[in-house]
């Protein structure tokens, strides 16, 4: 276990803003995946409640903010901001979130990650907060077996200017944007204790993914 205990209290006095990226087209799903129900509520609402339980009302944003279409979440009464870079992928959504935020650290996740958990996200936030004295670290990103997972990560607001310049130069991949900043990568050994099923970063792209998530999560004990 890392020196930052998974059971230590979350330092909400160190301000953290939370954002959900919901700008994808859901082309493989066939319907907007953000509205698919998991456990009796739309996935995006479920994700918002999870982030709120981690950031709480003490975060600078006052709760999670969705980056995406204004029409997407109006009927769900979620806070939403329009993407500054529509059609440019999640890197544009991350840059938009960071422009909006006035927090030093920002927890940013995609809307289609049904297996995220509160203990894992609290650990991720604490890990970033531990970097307060280290101004050289701009992001804390989990590393999977073959690639980083930048759509469930912590970003310093200072990344925004770098990402904006990259976008204006035509960069679209988040990993290419990350190559321009200093990142602390969390290796699998550091987060596997939060992921007994090996699904922590598995997203929902297809109807089969949705069916699997609904069945697995329905079978989990209620916390």
Protein backbone atom coordinates (compact mmCIF):
# COMPACT_ATOMS: atom_id res chain seq x y z
CA UNK A 1 0.00 0.00 0.00
CA UNK A 2 1.24 3.48 -0.83
CA UNK A 3 2.21 5.75 2.04
CA UNK A 4 -1.07 7.59 1.47
CA UNK A 5 -3.48 5.28 3.25
CA UNK A 6 -6.74 4.44 1.52
CA UNK A 7 -8.46 4.89 4.88
CA UNK A 8 -7.04 8.29 5.82
CA UNK A 9 -9.47 11.20 5.84
CA UNK A 10 -9.94 13.27 2.72
CA UNK A 11 -8.58 16.80 3.10
CA UNK A 12 -11.51 18.74 1.69
CA UNK A 13 -9.95 21.97 2.92
CA UNK A 14 -7.58 21.65 -0.02
CA UNK A 15 -10.00 22.77 -2.71
CA UNK A 16 -10.84 20.26 -5.41
CA UNK A 17 -13.31 20.78 -8.25
CA UNK A 18 -15.01 17.87 -10.00
CA UNK A 19 -16.04 17.55 -13.65
CA UNK A 20 -17.73 14.97 -15.87
CA UNK A 21 -16.95 14.81 -19.59
CA UNK A 22 -20.09 14.09 -21.61
CA UNK A 23 -19.31 15.34 -25.09
CA UNK A 24 -19.04 12.02 -26.93
CA UNK A 25 -21.37 11.01 -29.75
CA UNK A 26 -22.20 7.50 -28.40
CA UNK A 27 -22.12 6.24 -32.00
CA UNK A 28 -21.39 2.62 -31.11
CA UNK A 29 -24.02 2.55 -28.37
CA UNK A 30 -26.75 3.82 -30.68
CA UNK A 31 -28.27 5.98 -27.94
CA UNK A 32 -26.81 8.59 -25.62
CA UNK A 33 -24.96 6.47 -23.05
CA UNK A 34 -25.17 9.21 -20.41
CA UNK A 35 -28.92 8.55 -20.09
CA UNK A 36 -28.69 4.75 -19.81
CA UNK A 37 -29.83 3.62 -16.39
CA UNK A 38 -27.60 1.81 -13.92
CA UNK A 39 -29.21 0.92 -10.61
CA UNK A 40 -32.35 2.82 -11.46
CA UNK A 41 -30.77 6.15 -12.39
CA UNK A 42 -29.13 7.64 -15.49
CA UNK A 43 -25.41 6.88 -15.62
CA UNK A 44 -24.46 10.55 -15.68
CA UNK A 45 -26.53 11.20 -12.53
CA UNK A 46 -24.93 8.19 -10.85
CA UNK A 47 -21.49 9.55 -11.73
CA UNK A 48 -22.39 13.02 -10.48
CA UNK A 49 -23.54 11.63 -7.13
CA UNK A 50 -20.32 9.65 -6.82
CA UNK A 51 -18.18 12.71 -7.48
CA UNK A 52 -20.26 14.76 -5.07
CA UNK A 53 -19.64 12.17 -2.36
CA UNK A 54 -15.91 12.55 -2.98
CA UNK A 55 -15.62 16.32 -3.47
CA UNK A 56 -18.61 17.26 -1.34
CA UNK A 57 -19.99 20.77 -1.18
CA UNK A 58 -16.64 22.07 0.04
CA UNK A 59 -15.18 21.88 -3.46
CA UNK A 60 -14.74 25.16 -5.29
CA UNK A 61 -17.36 24.28 -7.89
CA UNK A 62 -19.93 23.45 -5.22
CA UNK A 63 -20.43 20.03 -6.82
CA UNK A 64 -19.77 18.24 -10.12
CA UNK A 65 -20.03 20.17 -13.38
CA UNK A 66 -20.77 18.44 -16.68
CA UNK A 67 -18.83 19.49 -19.79
CA UNK A 68 -20.97 18.85 -22.85
CA UNK A 69 -24.14 19.82 -24.66
CA UNK A 70 -26.43 22.14 -22.71
CA UNK A 71 -29.41 20.09 -23.92
CA UNK A 72 -27.77 16.90 -22.67
CA UNK A 73 -28.41 17.41 -18.98
CA UNK A 74 -30.91 20.26 -18.73
CA UNK A 75 -33.74 17.88 -17.89
CA UNK A 76 -31.63 16.16 -15.22
CA UNK A 77 -30.96 19.40 -13.31
CA UNK A 78 -27.19 18.98 -13.45
CA UNK A 79 -24.78 21.88 -13.72
CA UNK A 80 -23.39 22.05 -17.24
CA UNK A 81 -20.97 24.13 -19.30
CA UNK A 82 -20.60 24.02 -23.07
CA UNK A 83 -17.43 22.49 -24.48
CA UNK A 84 -15.08 25.20 -25.77
CA UNK A 85 -13.78 22.75 -28.39
CA UNK A 86 -16.77 20.75 -29.70
CA UNK A 87 -15.71 17.88 -31.92
CA UNK A 88 -12.15 17.89 -30.61
CA UNK A 89 -12.51 14.98 -28.25
CA UNK A 90 -11.92 14.71 -24.51
CA UNK A 91 -8.78 16.85 -24.55
CA UNK A 92 -11.01 19.80 -25.42
CA UNK A 93 -13.37 18.88 -22.60
CA UNK A 94 -10.51 18.73 -20.11
CA UNK A 95 -9.21 22.12 -21.25
CA UNK A 96 -12.73 23.56 -20.91
CA UNK A 97 -13.08 22.21 -17.38
CA UNK A 98 -9.73 23.65 -16.35
CA UNK A 99 -10.58 27.04 -17.85
CA UNK A 100 -13.78 27.13 -15.84
CA UNK A 101 -12.27 25.95 -12.57
CA UNK A 102 -10.70 28.17 -9.96
CA UNK A 103 -9.40 25.17 -8.00
CA UNK A 104 -5.76 24.16 -7.92
CA UNK A 105 -6.61 20.47 -8.44
CA UNK A 106 -9.46 19.06 -10.52
CA UNK A 107 -10.89 15.56 -10.64
CA UNK A 108 -12.05 14.92 -14.21
CA UNK A 109 -13.78 11.70 -15.30
CA UNK A 110 -15.64 10.47 -18.37
CA UNK A 111 -19.38 9.90 -18.05
CA UNK A 112 -19.19 6.26 -19.22
CA UNK A 113 -17.12 4.65 -16.44
CA UNK A 114 -19.71 2.69 -14.41
CA UNK A 115 -17.22 0.81 -12.23
CA UNK A 116 -15.61 3.78 -10.49
CA UNK A 117 -15.77 3.68 -6.70
CA UNK A 118 -15.63 6.19 -3.89
CA UNK A 119 -12.57 4.61 -2.17
CA UNK A 120 -10.58 4.72 -5.41
CA UNK A 121 -11.50 8.32 -6.21
CA UNK A 122 -10.71 9.43 -2.66
CA UNK A 123 -7.29 7.80 -2.98
CA UNK A 124 -6.71 9.57 -6.31
CA UNK A 125 -7.64 12.93 -4.82
CA UNK A 126 -5.39 12.41 -1.80
CA UNK A 127 -2.52 11.45 -4.09
CA UNK A 128 -2.85 14.75 -5.95
CA UNK A 129 -3.21 16.71 -2.71
CA UNK A 130 0.09 15.21 -1.60
CA UNK A 131 1.68 17.07 -4.52
CA UNK A 132 0.72 20.51 -3.19
CA UNK A 133 4.34 21.32 -2.37
CA UNK A 134 5.58 19.91 -5.67
CA UNK A 135 4.70 22.52 -8.30
CA UNK A 136 6.40 20.46 -11.00
CA UNK A 137 3.65 17.83 -10.99
CA UNK A 138 0.75 18.93 -13.18
CA UNK A 139 -1.36 15.77 -13.30
CA UNK A 140 -1.85 12.46 -11.52
CA UNK A 141 -2.96 9.75 -13.94
CA UNK A 142 -3.47 6.01 -13.39
CA UNK A 143 -1.53 3.73 -15.69
CA UNK A 144 -3.23 0.58 -16.96
CA UNK A 145 -1.35 -2.45 -18.24
CA UNK A 146 -0.75 -0.97 -21.70
CA UNK A 147 -1.74 2.69 -21.51
CA UNK A 148 -2.60 5.58 -19.22
CA UNK A 149 -6.20 6.27 -18.19
CA UNK A 150 -6.44 10.07 -18.52
CA UNK A 151 -10.26 10.14 -18.37
CA UNK A 152 -10.21 9.37 -14.66
CA UNK A 153 -7.44 11.60 -13.40
CA UNK A 154 -6.44 14.67 -11.43
CA UNK A 155 -5.31 17.79 -13.29
CA UNK A 156 -3.77 21.01 -12.02
CA UNK A 157 -5.41 24.12 -13.41
CA UNK A 158 -2.01 25.11 -14.80
CA UNK A 159 -2.43 22.39 -17.47
CA UNK A 160 -5.13 24.44 -19.20
CA UNK A 161 -2.81 26.83 -21.02
CA UNK A 162 -0.65 23.97 -22.31
CA UNK A 163 -3.66 21.95 -23.47
CA UNK A 164 -5.20 24.99 -25.15
CA UNK A 165 -2.03 25.63 -27.15
CA UNK A 166 -1.89 21.94 -28.11
CA UNK A 167 -5.52 22.02 -29.29
CA UNK A 168 -4.91 25.12 -31.36
CA UNK A 169 -2.03 23.28 -33.04
CA UNK A 170 -4.31 20.37 -33.92
CA UNK A 171 -3.55 17.96 -31.08
CA UNK A 172 -6.54 15.75 -30.28
CA UNK A 173 -5.22 12.81 -28.23
CA UNK A 174 -5.19 13.36 -24.48
CA UNK A 175 -1.97 11.36 -24.22
CA UNK A 176 -0.29 13.77 -26.65
CA UNK A 177 -1.43 16.67 -24.48
CA UNK A 178 -0.07 14.94 -21.38
CA UNK A 179 3.30 14.63 -23.08
CA UNK A 180 3.61 18.40 -22.69
CA UNK A 181 3.19 18.46 -18.89
CA UNK A 182 4.74 16.77 -15.87
CA UNK A 183 2.66 13.72 -14.90
CA UNK A 184 2.81 11.36 -11.94
CA UNK A 185 1.61 8.00 -13.22
CA UNK A 186 0.04 5.54 -10.77
CA UNK A 187 1.12 2.03 -11.70
CA UNK A 188 -1.40 -0.85 -11.54
CA UNK A 189 0.07 -2.12 -8.28
CA UNK A 190 -1.05 1.12 -6.63
CA UNK A 191 -4.72 0.95 -7.63
CA UNK A 192 -5.42 -2.78 -8.03
CA UNK A 193 -6.55 -3.00 -4.41
CA UNK A 194 -9.57 -0.92 -5.43
CA UNK A 195 -10.40 -3.15 -8.40
CA UNK A 196 -10.88 -6.81 -7.51
CA UNK A 197 -12.76 -7.48 -10.77
CA UNK A 198 -10.24 -5.75 -13.05
CA UNK A 199 -12.92 -3.40 -14.38
CA UNK A 200 -12.15 -0.05 -12.78
CA UNK A 201 -11.50 1.80 -16.06
CA UNK A 202 -13.73 -0.26 -18.35
CA UNK A 203 -16.06 2.10 -20.17
CA UNK A 204 -19.40 1.50 -21.89
CA UNK A 205 -19.14 1.77 -25.65
CA UNK A 206 -21.63 -0.83 -26.89
CA UNK A 207 -24.98 -2.32 -25.83
CA UNK A 208 -23.10 -5.44 -24.71
CA UNK A 209 -20.91 -3.30 -22.42
CA UNK A 210 -24.04 -1.75 -20.94
CA UNK A 211 -25.72 -5.10 -20.35
CA UNK A 212 -22.59 -6.42 -18.66
CA UNK A 213 -22.28 -3.36 -16.40
CA UNK A 214 -25.94 -3.46 -15.40
CA UNK A 215 -25.70 -7.14 -14.44
CA UNK A 216 -22.40 -6.86 -12.59
CA UNK A 217 -23.36 -3.78 -10.61
CA UNK A 218 -26.78 -5.18 -9.73
CA UNK A 219 -25.03 -8.22 -8.24
CA UNK A 220 -22.68 -6.19 -6.04
CA UNK A 221 -23.53 -5.78 -2.36
CA UNK A 222 -25.09 -2.43 -1.52
CA UNK A 223 -22.63 -0.17 0.28
